[in-house]
Amino acid sequence: MEITMDLVRQLEKLSMLELSEGEREDARSYLRDVLAQIDIIGEADTQGVEPLTHVFPTANVTREDVVVPSPEPSVILANAPHRKGTCFRVPKTVE
């Protein structure tokens, strides 16, 4: 992919930046260098290498669902700053 000044201006517009001509040329040079590095990585022989989604082995760390009885309303409301009966009392949000 060739990095043209039109592409740099388009990226400038998309990122809502205002660059000077010197900054545009610096960005163009930097993007060319980045793509050159990616091309070098692309030359690596990956035949027979499994794609990775994560560097370290991962496993699902969630616990099994266990049915337990609900706590009493008095326990749930113990730290509520305001309550009305067995419910939390909150400010009115809709007129």
N, C-alpha and C. Protein backbone atom coordinates (compact mmCIF):
# COMPACT_ATOMS: atom_id res chain seq x y z
N MET A 1 0.84 -1.17 0.00
CA MET A 1 0.00 0.00 0.00
C MET A 1 0.89 1.24 0.00
N GLU A 2 0.58 2.16 -0.87
CA GLU A 2 1.37 3.38 -0.94
C GLU A 2 0.72 4.47 -0.08
N ILE A 3 1.53 5.12 0.70
CA ILE A 3 1.05 6.21 1.54
C ILE A 3 1.19 7.52 0.75
N THR A 4 0.07 8.04 0.29
CA THR A 4 0.07 9.28 -0.47
C THR A 4 -0.34 10.43 0.45
N MET A 5 -0.10 11.64 -0.01
CA MET A 5 -0.51 12.80 0.77
C MET A 5 -2.03 12.87 0.86
N ASP A 6 -2.73 12.37 -0.17
CA ASP A 6 -4.20 12.33 -0.10
C ASP A 6 -4.66 11.42 1.03
N LEU A 7 -3.98 10.28 1.20
CA LEU A 7 -4.31 9.37 2.29
C LEU A 7 -4.03 10.03 3.64
N VAL A 8 -2.91 10.73 3.75
CA VAL A 8 -2.59 11.42 5.00
C VAL A 8 -3.64 12.48 5.30
N ARG A 9 -4.07 13.23 4.29
CA ARG A 9 -5.12 14.24 4.51
C ARG A 9 -6.44 13.59 4.93
N GLN A 10 -6.75 12.43 4.33
CA GLN A 10 -7.98 11.72 4.71
C GLN A 10 -7.89 11.25 6.17
N LEU A 11 -6.75 10.71 6.56
CA LEU A 11 -6.57 10.28 7.95
C LEU A 11 -6.62 11.48 8.90
N GLU A 12 -6.06 12.59 8.45
CA GLU A 12 -6.10 13.82 9.24
C GLU A 12 -7.55 14.24 9.47
N LYS A 13 -8.34 14.19 8.42
CA LYS A 13 -9.76 14.57 8.53
C LYS A 13 -10.51 13.60 9.44
N LEU A 14 -10.29 12.30 9.27
CA LEU A 14 -10.98 11.29 10.09
C LEU A 14 -10.63 11.42 11.56
N SER A 15 -9.39 11.80 11.85
CA SER A 15 -8.96 11.91 13.25
C SER A 15 -9.18 13.31 13.80
N MET A 16 -9.81 14.18 12.99
CA MET A 16 -10.12 15.55 13.41
C MET A 16 -8.89 16.30 13.88
N LEU A 17 -7.83 16.20 13.10
CA LEU A 17 -6.59 16.91 13.38
C LEU A 17 -6.34 17.95 12.30
N GLU A 18 -5.57 18.95 12.65
CA GLU A 18 -5.11 19.92 11.66
C GLU A 18 -3.59 19.90 11.70
N LEU A 19 -2.99 19.36 10.65
CA LEU A 19 -1.54 19.24 10.60
C LEU A 19 -0.96 20.26 9.63
N SER A 20 0.24 20.69 9.93
CA SER A 20 0.96 21.56 8.99
C SER A 20 1.54 20.68 7.89
N GLU A 21 2.04 21.29 6.83
CA GLU A 21 2.62 20.51 5.74
C GLU A 21 3.80 19.66 6.23
N GLY A 22 4.60 20.23 7.14
CA GLY A 22 5.73 19.47 7.69
C GLY A 22 5.27 18.27 8.49
N GLU A 23 4.20 18.48 9.28
CA GLU A 23 3.66 17.37 10.08
C GLU A 23 3.04 16.30 9.19
N ARG A 24 2.43 16.73 8.09
CA ARG A 24 1.86 15.76 7.15
C ARG A 24 2.97 14.90 6.54
N GLU A 25 4.07 15.54 6.18
CA GLU A 25 5.19 14.79 5.60
C GLU A 25 5.79 13.84 6.63
N ASP A 26 5.89 14.30 7.91
CA ASP A 26 6.37 13.42 8.98
C ASP A 26 5.44 12.23 9.18
N ALA A 27 4.12 12.48 9.15
CA ALA A 27 3.15 11.40 9.30
C ALA A 27 3.26 10.42 8.15
N ARG A 28 3.44 10.94 6.95
CA ARG A 28 3.59 10.07 5.77
C ARG A 28 4.82 9.18 5.91
N SER A 29 5.93 9.77 6.35
CA SER A 29 7.16 9.00 6.54
C SER A 29 6.98 7.94 7.62
N TYR A 30 6.33 8.34 8.72
CA TYR A 30 6.10 7.40 9.83
C TYR A 30 5.23 6.23 9.37
N LEU A 31 4.14 6.53 8.66
CA LEU A 31 3.26 5.46 8.18
C LEU A 31 3.97 4.53 7.20
N ARG A 32 4.83 5.09 6.35
CA ARG A 32 5.62 4.24 5.45
C ARG A 32 6.51 3.29 6.25
N ASP A 33 7.15 3.82 7.31
CA ASP A 33 8.01 2.98 8.15
C ASP A 33 7.21 1.86 8.82
N VAL A 34 6.02 2.19 9.31
CA VAL A 34 5.18 1.19 9.96
C VAL A 34 4.82 0.08 8.97
N LEU A 35 4.40 0.46 7.78
CA LEU A 35 4.05 -0.54 6.78
C LEU A 35 5.25 -1.37 6.36
N ALA A 36 6.42 -0.77 6.32
CA ALA A 36 7.64 -1.53 5.99
C ALA A 36 7.91 -2.59 7.06
N GLN A 37 7.72 -2.24 8.33
CA GLN A 37 7.91 -3.20 9.41
C GLN A 37 6.88 -4.34 9.31
N ILE A 38 5.66 -4.01 8.98
CA ILE A 38 4.63 -5.04 8.83
C ILE A 38 4.97 -5.97 7.68
N ASP A 39 5.51 -5.41 6.58
CA ASP A 39 5.92 -6.25 5.45
C ASP A 39 7.02 -7.22 5.87
N ILE A 40 7.95 -6.77 6.71
CA ILE A 40 9.03 -7.65 7.19
C ILE A 40 8.43 -8.80 8.01
N ILE A 41 7.49 -8.48 8.88
CA ILE A 41 6.84 -9.52 9.69
C ILE A 41 6.10 -10.51 8.80
N GLY A 42 5.50 -10.00 7.72
CA GLY A 42 4.76 -10.85 6.80
C GLY A 42 5.64 -11.86 6.08
N GLU A 43 6.93 -11.63 6.05
CA GLU A 43 7.85 -12.55 5.38
C GLU A 43 8.19 -13.77 6.24
N ALA A 44 7.83 -13.77 7.49
CA ALA A 44 8.14 -14.89 8.39
C ALA A 44 7.41 -16.15 7.93
N ASP A 45 8.09 -17.29 8.05
CA ASP A 45 7.49 -18.56 7.68
C ASP A 45 6.57 -19.02 8.80
N THR A 46 5.29 -19.02 8.54
CA THR A 46 4.30 -19.42 9.55
C THR A 46 3.62 -20.72 9.18
N GLN A 47 4.21 -21.46 8.27
CA GLN A 47 3.63 -22.73 7.86
C GLN A 47 3.56 -23.68 9.06
N GLY A 48 2.38 -24.19 9.33
CA GLY A 48 2.20 -25.15 10.42
C GLY A 48 2.07 -24.52 11.80
N VAL A 49 2.01 -23.20 11.87
CA VAL A 49 1.87 -22.51 13.15
C VAL A 49 0.38 -22.21 13.37
N GLU A 50 -0.13 -22.65 14.52
CA GLU A 50 -1.54 -22.41 14.84
C GLU A 50 -1.75 -20.94 15.19
N PRO A 51 -2.80 -20.32 14.69
CA PRO A 51 -3.09 -18.94 15.07
C PRO A 51 -3.41 -18.85 16.56
N LEU A 52 -3.02 -17.75 17.18
CA LEU A 52 -3.27 -17.53 18.60
C LEU A 52 -4.34 -16.48 18.80
N THR A 53 -5.16 -16.67 19.82
CA THR A 53 -6.06 -15.61 20.24
C THR A 53 -5.53 -14.96 21.50
N HIS A 54 -4.63 -15.66 22.20
CA HIS A 54 -4.03 -15.15 23.43
C HIS A 54 -2.68 -15.82 23.61
N VAL A 55 -1.74 -15.09 24.16
CA VAL A 55 -0.39 -15.62 24.32
C VAL A 55 -0.35 -16.73 25.36
N PHE A 56 -1.11 -16.57 26.43
CA PHE A 56 -1.12 -17.56 27.50
C PHE A 56 -2.37 -18.41 27.39
N PRO A 57 -2.30 -19.68 27.82
CA PRO A 57 -3.51 -20.50 27.77
C PRO A 57 -4.56 -19.94 28.73
N THR A 58 -5.77 -19.86 28.25
CA THR A 58 -6.85 -19.34 29.09
C THR A 58 -7.95 -20.38 29.21
N ALA A 59 -8.68 -20.26 30.27
CA ALA A 59 -9.83 -21.14 30.48
C ALA A 59 -10.94 -20.30 31.07
N ASN A 60 -12.15 -20.76 30.89
CA ASN A 60 -13.28 -20.05 31.45
C ASN A 60 -13.21 -20.16 32.97
N VAL A 61 -13.18 -19.03 33.63
CA VAL A 61 -12.98 -19.04 35.08
C VAL A 61 -14.28 -18.76 35.83
N THR A 62 -15.40 -18.86 35.16
CA THR A 62 -16.66 -18.65 35.86
C THR A 62 -17.04 -19.91 36.63
N ARG A 63 -17.77 -19.71 37.69
CA ARG A 63 -18.19 -20.84 38.51
C ARG A 63 -19.52 -21.39 38.01
N GLU A 64 -19.85 -22.57 38.41
CA GLU A 64 -21.12 -23.18 38.06
C GLU A 64 -22.25 -22.45 38.78
N ASP A 65 -23.39 -22.36 38.12
CA ASP A 65 -24.56 -21.77 38.77
C ASP A 65 -25.04 -22.67 39.90
N VAL A 66 -25.31 -22.05 41.04
CA VAL A 66 -25.81 -22.80 42.19
C VAL A 66 -27.05 -22.08 42.69
N VAL A 67 -28.13 -22.80 42.84
CA VAL A 67 -29.36 -22.21 43.34
C VAL A 67 -29.26 -22.07 44.84
N VAL A 68 -29.44 -20.84 45.33
CA VAL A 68 -29.43 -20.58 46.77
C VAL A 68 -30.65 -19.73 47.11
N PRO A 69 -31.12 -19.82 48.30
CA PRO A 69 -32.28 -19.01 48.67
C PRO A 69 -31.91 -17.52 48.72
N SER A 70 -32.87 -16.67 48.37
CA SER A 70 -32.64 -15.23 48.43
C SER A 70 -32.55 -14.77 49.88
N PRO A 71 -31.71 -13.75 50.12
CA PRO A 71 -31.64 -13.21 51.48
C PRO A 71 -32.95 -12.52 51.85
N GLU A 72 -33.17 -12.37 53.13
CA GLU A 72 -34.36 -11.67 53.63
C GLU A 72 -34.30 -10.20 53.21
N PRO A 73 -35.44 -9.57 52.95
CA PRO A 73 -35.45 -8.15 52.58
C PRO A 73 -34.72 -7.26 53.59
N SER A 74 -34.80 -7.59 54.86
CA SER A 74 -34.13 -6.77 55.87
C SER A 74 -32.61 -6.80 55.69
N VAL A 75 -32.07 -7.93 55.24
CA VAL A 75 -30.63 -8.04 55.00
C VAL A 75 -30.25 -7.22 53.76
N ILE A 76 -31.07 -7.33 52.71
CA ILE A 76 -30.79 -6.59 51.48
C ILE A 76 -30.85 -5.09 51.72
N LEU A 77 -31.81 -4.63 52.51
CA LEU A 77 -32.01 -3.20 52.75
C LEU A 77 -31.21 -2.66 53.93
N ALA A 78 -30.38 -3.47 54.54
CA ALA A 78 -29.68 -3.05 55.76
C ALA A 78 -28.86 -1.77 55.57
N ASN A 79 -28.20 -1.60 54.42
CA ASN A 79 -27.37 -0.41 54.19
C ASN A 79 -28.03 0.62 53.28
N ALA A 80 -29.31 0.46 52.97
CA ALA A 80 -29.99 1.41 52.10
C ALA A 80 -30.17 2.73 52.83
N PRO A 81 -29.79 3.84 52.22
CA PRO A 81 -29.95 5.13 52.90
C PRO A 81 -31.43 5.51 53.06
N HIS A 82 -32.27 5.11 52.11
CA HIS A 82 -33.70 5.41 52.19
C HIS A 82 -34.47 4.19 51.71
N ARG A 83 -35.54 3.89 52.39
CA ARG A 83 -36.35 2.76 51.96
C ARG A 83 -37.81 3.05 52.24
N LYS A 84 -38.67 2.34 51.54
CA LYS A 84 -40.11 2.46 51.72
C LYS A 84 -40.65 1.04 51.79
N GLY A 85 -41.00 0.62 52.95
CA GLY A 85 -41.44 -0.76 53.16
C GLY A 85 -40.29 -1.71 52.90
N THR A 86 -40.48 -2.62 51.95
CA THR A 86 -39.42 -3.57 51.61
C THR A 86 -38.75 -3.22 50.28
N CYS A 87 -38.76 -1.93 49.92
CA CYS A 87 -38.17 -1.48 48.66
C CYS A 87 -37.16 -0.36 48.91
N PHE A 88 -36.26 -0.18 47.98
CA PHE A 88 -35.35 0.97 48.01
C PHE A 88 -36.15 2.19 47.59
N ARG A 89 -35.93 3.31 48.26
CA ARG A 89 -36.58 4.57 47.88
C ARG A 89 -35.53 5.42 47.16
N VAL A 90 -35.87 5.80 45.92
CA VAL A 90 -34.94 6.58 45.11
C VAL A 90 -35.63 7.86 44.65
N PRO A 91 -34.82 8.86 44.26
CA PRO A 91 -35.43 10.10 43.77
C PRO A 91 -36.24 9.87 42.50
N LYS A 92 -37.27 10.65 42.32
CA LYS A 92 -38.10 10.56 41.13
C LYS A 92 -37.27 11.02 39.94
N THR A 93 -37.27 10.23 38.86
CA THR A 93 -36.46 10.59 37.70
C THR A 93 -37.30 11.02 36.52
N VAL A 94 -38.58 10.73 36.50
CA VAL A 94 -39.45 11.10 35.41
C VAL A 94 -40.61 11.90 35.97
N GLU A 95 -40.86 13.06 35.37
CA GLU A 95 -41.97 13.91 35.83
C GLU A 95 -43.27 13.43 35.25
